């Protein structure tokens, strides 16, 4: 039962982590530190993509198991 909710919790953590890195990237842009800000924004995009992909695959797997139980 608990195993079913590890993936969405991890996806939520990844999305929150990406928002933090977007914030850091914007703060570094204001300080005119270009390379560091681009790296922070890139890390933000990668973690956002990972979190969304994990959440999407969890949703599809959950829908598939519910469909199997109904049949």
N, C-alpha and C. Protein backbone atom coordinates (compact mmCIF):
# COMPACT_ATOMS: atom_id res chain seq x y z
N UNK A 1 0.83 -1.20 0.00
CA UNK A 1 0.00 0.00 0.00
C UNK A 1 0.87 1.26 0.00
N UNK A 2 1.86 1.29 0.86
CA UNK A 2 2.75 2.45 0.92
C UNK A 2 3.60 2.56 -0.33
N UNK A 3 3.91 1.41 -0.93
CA UNK A 3 4.72 1.40 -2.14
C UNK A 3 4.04 2.11 -3.30
N UNK A 4 2.71 2.15 -3.27
CA UNK A 4 1.96 2.80 -4.35
C UNK A 4 2.12 4.32 -4.34
N UNK A 5 2.53 4.89 -3.22
CA UNK A 5 2.60 6.34 -3.13
C UNK A 5 4.02 6.87 -3.03
N UNK A 6 5.01 6.02 -3.23
CA UNK A 6 6.39 6.49 -3.23
C UNK A 6 6.69 7.28 -4.50
N UNK A 7 6.23 6.79 -5.64
CA UNK A 7 6.49 7.47 -6.92
C UNK A 7 5.89 8.87 -6.99
N UNK A 8 4.62 9.07 -6.61
CA UNK A 8 4.11 10.45 -6.68
C UNK A 8 4.76 11.37 -5.66
N UNK A 9 5.16 10.82 -4.52
CA UNK A 9 5.86 11.66 -3.53
C UNK A 9 7.23 12.07 -4.06
N UNK A 10 7.93 11.14 -4.70
CA UNK A 10 9.22 11.46 -5.28
C UNK A 10 9.07 12.45 -6.44
N UNK A 11 8.02 12.29 -7.23
CA UNK A 11 7.76 13.23 -8.33
C UNK A 11 7.49 14.63 -7.79
N UNK A 12 6.75 14.72 -6.70
CA UNK A 12 6.47 16.02 -6.08
C UNK A 12 7.75 16.66 -5.56
N UNK A 13 8.63 15.85 -4.98
CA UNK A 13 9.91 16.37 -4.49
C UNK A 13 10.76 16.87 -5.67
N UNK A 14 10.77 16.13 -6.77
CA UNK A 14 11.54 16.56 -7.94
C UNK A 14 10.99 17.87 -8.52
N UNK A 15 9.68 18.01 -8.56
CA UNK A 15 9.08 19.23 -9.08
C UNK A 15 9.39 20.42 -8.17
N UNK A 16 9.33 20.19 -6.85
CA UNK A 16 9.68 21.26 -5.91
C UNK A 16 11.16 21.62 -6.03
N UNK A 17 12.02 20.62 -6.22
CA UNK A 17 13.44 20.84 -6.40
C UNK A 17 13.70 21.66 -7.66
N UNK A 18 12.95 21.38 -8.73
CA UNK A 18 13.12 22.14 -9.97
C UNK A 18 12.69 23.59 -9.79
N UNK A 19 11.61 23.82 -9.04
CA UNK A 19 11.17 25.20 -8.79
C UNK A 19 12.23 25.96 -8.00
N UNK A 20 12.88 25.27 -7.06
CA UNK A 20 13.96 25.90 -6.30
C UNK A 20 15.11 26.28 -7.22
N UNK A 21 15.48 25.40 -8.15
CA UNK A 21 16.57 25.71 -9.05
C UNK A 21 16.19 26.82 -10.03
N UNK A 22 14.92 26.91 -10.43
CA UNK A 22 14.50 28.05 -11.24
C UNK A 22 14.66 29.35 -10.47
N UNK A 23 14.30 29.32 -9.19
CA UNK A 23 14.47 30.50 -8.34
C UNK A 23 15.94 30.89 -8.22
N UNK A 24 16.81 29.90 -8.00
CA UNK A 24 18.24 30.16 -7.91
C UNK A 24 18.77 30.72 -9.23
N UNK A 25 18.29 30.17 -10.35
CA UNK A 25 18.72 30.66 -11.65
C UNK A 25 18.33 32.11 -11.87
N UNK A 26 17.13 32.48 -11.46
CA UNK A 26 16.69 33.87 -11.60
C UNK A 26 17.51 34.79 -10.70
N UNK A 27 17.79 34.33 -9.48
CA UNK A 27 18.60 35.14 -8.57
C UNK A 27 20.02 35.33 -9.13
N UNK A 28 20.56 34.30 -9.74
CA UNK A 28 21.90 34.43 -10.33
C UNK A 28 21.88 35.31 -11.58
N UNK A 29 20.76 35.32 -12.31
CA UNK A 29 20.65 36.21 -13.47
C UNK A 29 20.67 37.67 -13.03
N UNK A 30 20.03 37.95 -11.89
CA UNK A 30 20.02 39.32 -11.38
C UNK A 30 21.41 39.75 -10.93
N UNK A 31 22.21 38.78 -10.49
CA UNK A 31 23.57 39.09 -10.07
C UNK A 31 24.53 39.08 -11.26
N UNK A 32 23.99 38.90 -12.47
CA UNK A 32 24.76 38.89 -13.72
C UNK A 32 25.82 37.79 -13.74
N UNK A 33 25.49 36.65 -13.18
CA UNK A 33 26.36 35.48 -13.22
C UNK A 33 25.76 34.52 -14.24
N UNK A 34 26.14 34.66 -15.49
CA UNK A 34 25.46 34.03 -16.61
C UNK A 34 25.63 32.52 -16.62
N UNK A 35 26.85 32.04 -16.51
CA UNK A 35 27.09 30.60 -16.63
C UNK A 35 26.40 29.82 -15.51
N UNK A 36 26.48 30.32 -14.30
CA UNK A 36 25.85 29.63 -13.18
C UNK A 36 24.33 29.66 -13.28
N UNK A 37 23.79 30.78 -13.76
CA UNK A 37 22.34 30.87 -13.89
C UNK A 37 21.82 29.93 -14.96
N UNK A 38 22.56 29.81 -16.08
CA UNK A 38 22.14 28.88 -17.12
C UNK A 38 22.21 27.44 -16.65
N UNK A 39 23.24 27.11 -15.87
CA UNK A 39 23.36 25.76 -15.33
C UNK A 39 22.22 25.47 -14.35
N UNK A 40 21.86 26.44 -13.51
CA UNK A 40 20.77 26.24 -12.55
C UNK A 40 19.44 26.06 -13.28
N UNK A 41 19.21 26.84 -14.32
CA UNK A 41 17.97 26.70 -15.08
C UNK A 41 17.94 25.36 -15.81
N UNK A 42 19.08 24.93 -16.33
CA UNK A 42 19.15 23.62 -17.00
C UNK A 42 18.85 22.49 -16.02
N UNK A 43 19.41 22.57 -14.82
CA UNK A 43 19.11 21.56 -13.80
C UNK A 43 17.63 21.61 -13.45
N UNK A 44 17.05 22.80 -13.39
CA UNK A 44 15.63 22.93 -13.12
C UNK A 44 14.77 22.27 -14.19
N UNK A 45 15.13 22.46 -15.45
CA UNK A 45 14.36 21.83 -16.53
C UNK A 45 14.49 20.32 -16.51
N UNK A 46 15.68 19.82 -16.23
CA UNK A 46 15.89 18.37 -16.20
C UNK A 46 15.10 17.73 -15.06
N UNK A 47 15.15 18.33 -13.88
CA UNK A 47 14.39 17.76 -12.76
C UNK A 47 12.89 17.91 -12.96
N UNK A 48 12.46 18.99 -13.59
CA UNK A 48 11.04 19.14 -13.90
C UNK A 48 10.58 18.07 -14.87
N UNK A 49 11.37 17.83 -15.90
CA UNK A 49 11.04 16.77 -16.86
C UNK A 49 11.02 15.40 -16.20
N UNK A 50 11.97 15.14 -15.32
CA UNK A 50 11.99 13.87 -14.61
C UNK A 50 10.80 13.68 -13.69
N UNK A 51 10.43 14.74 -12.98
CA UNK A 51 9.27 14.66 -12.09
C UNK A 51 7.97 14.45 -12.84
N UNK A 52 7.80 15.15 -13.95
CA UNK A 52 6.58 15.01 -14.74
C UNK A 52 6.52 13.62 -15.39
N UNK A 53 7.66 13.13 -15.88
CA UNK A 53 7.69 11.80 -16.48
C UNK A 53 7.38 10.72 -15.45
N UNK A 54 7.94 10.86 -14.26
CA UNK A 54 7.66 9.89 -13.20
C UNK A 54 6.20 9.92 -12.80
N UNK A 55 5.62 11.10 -12.68
CA UNK A 55 4.21 11.21 -12.34
C UNK A 55 3.31 10.65 -13.44
N UNK A 56 3.67 10.90 -14.69
CA UNK A 56 2.88 10.39 -15.80
C UNK A 56 2.95 8.87 -15.89
N UNK A 57 4.13 8.30 -15.70
CA UNK A 57 4.25 6.84 -15.76
C UNK A 57 3.54 6.18 -14.58
N UNK A 58 3.57 6.82 -13.40
CA UNK A 58 2.84 6.28 -12.25
C UNK A 58 1.34 6.30 -12.53
N UNK A 59 0.84 7.37 -13.14
CA UNK A 59 -0.58 7.48 -13.45
C UNK A 59 -1.00 6.41 -14.46
N UNK A 60 -0.19 6.21 -15.49
CA UNK A 60 -0.51 5.18 -16.48
C UNK A 60 -0.47 3.78 -15.88
N UNK A 61 0.51 3.50 -15.04
CA UNK A 61 0.60 2.19 -14.40
C UNK A 61 -0.57 1.96 -13.46
N UNK A 62 -0.95 2.99 -12.76
CA UNK A 62 -2.10 2.88 -11.83
C UNK A 62 -3.40 2.63 -12.61
N UNK A 63 -3.58 3.33 -13.72
CA UNK A 63 -4.77 3.13 -14.54
C UNK A 63 -4.79 1.72 -15.12
N UNK A 64 -3.63 1.21 -15.52
CA UNK A 64 -3.55 -0.13 -16.08
C UNK A 64 -3.88 -1.19 -15.03
N UNK A 65 -3.39 -1.03 -13.80
CA UNK A 65 -3.70 -2.01 -12.77
C UNK A 65 -5.17 -1.96 -12.36
N UNK A 66 -5.76 -0.79 -12.36
CA UNK A 66 -7.19 -0.69 -12.06
C UNK A 66 -8.00 -1.35 -13.16
N UNK A 67 -7.60 -1.17 -14.41
CA UNK A 67 -8.29 -1.80 -15.52
C UNK A 67 -8.17 -3.31 -15.44
N UNK A 68 -6.99 -3.81 -15.06
CA UNK A 68 -6.81 -5.27 -14.93
C UNK A 68 -7.67 -5.84 -13.82
N UNK A 69 -7.84 -5.11 -12.74
CA UNK A 69 -8.65 -5.58 -11.62
C UNK A 69 -10.14 -5.65 -12.01
N UNK A 70 -10.57 -4.77 -12.88
CA UNK A 70 -11.98 -4.75 -13.28
C UNK A 70 -12.30 -5.92 -14.20
N UNK A 71 -11.31 -6.39 -14.95
CA UNK A 71 -11.57 -7.48 -15.92
C UNK A 71 -11.44 -8.83 -15.29
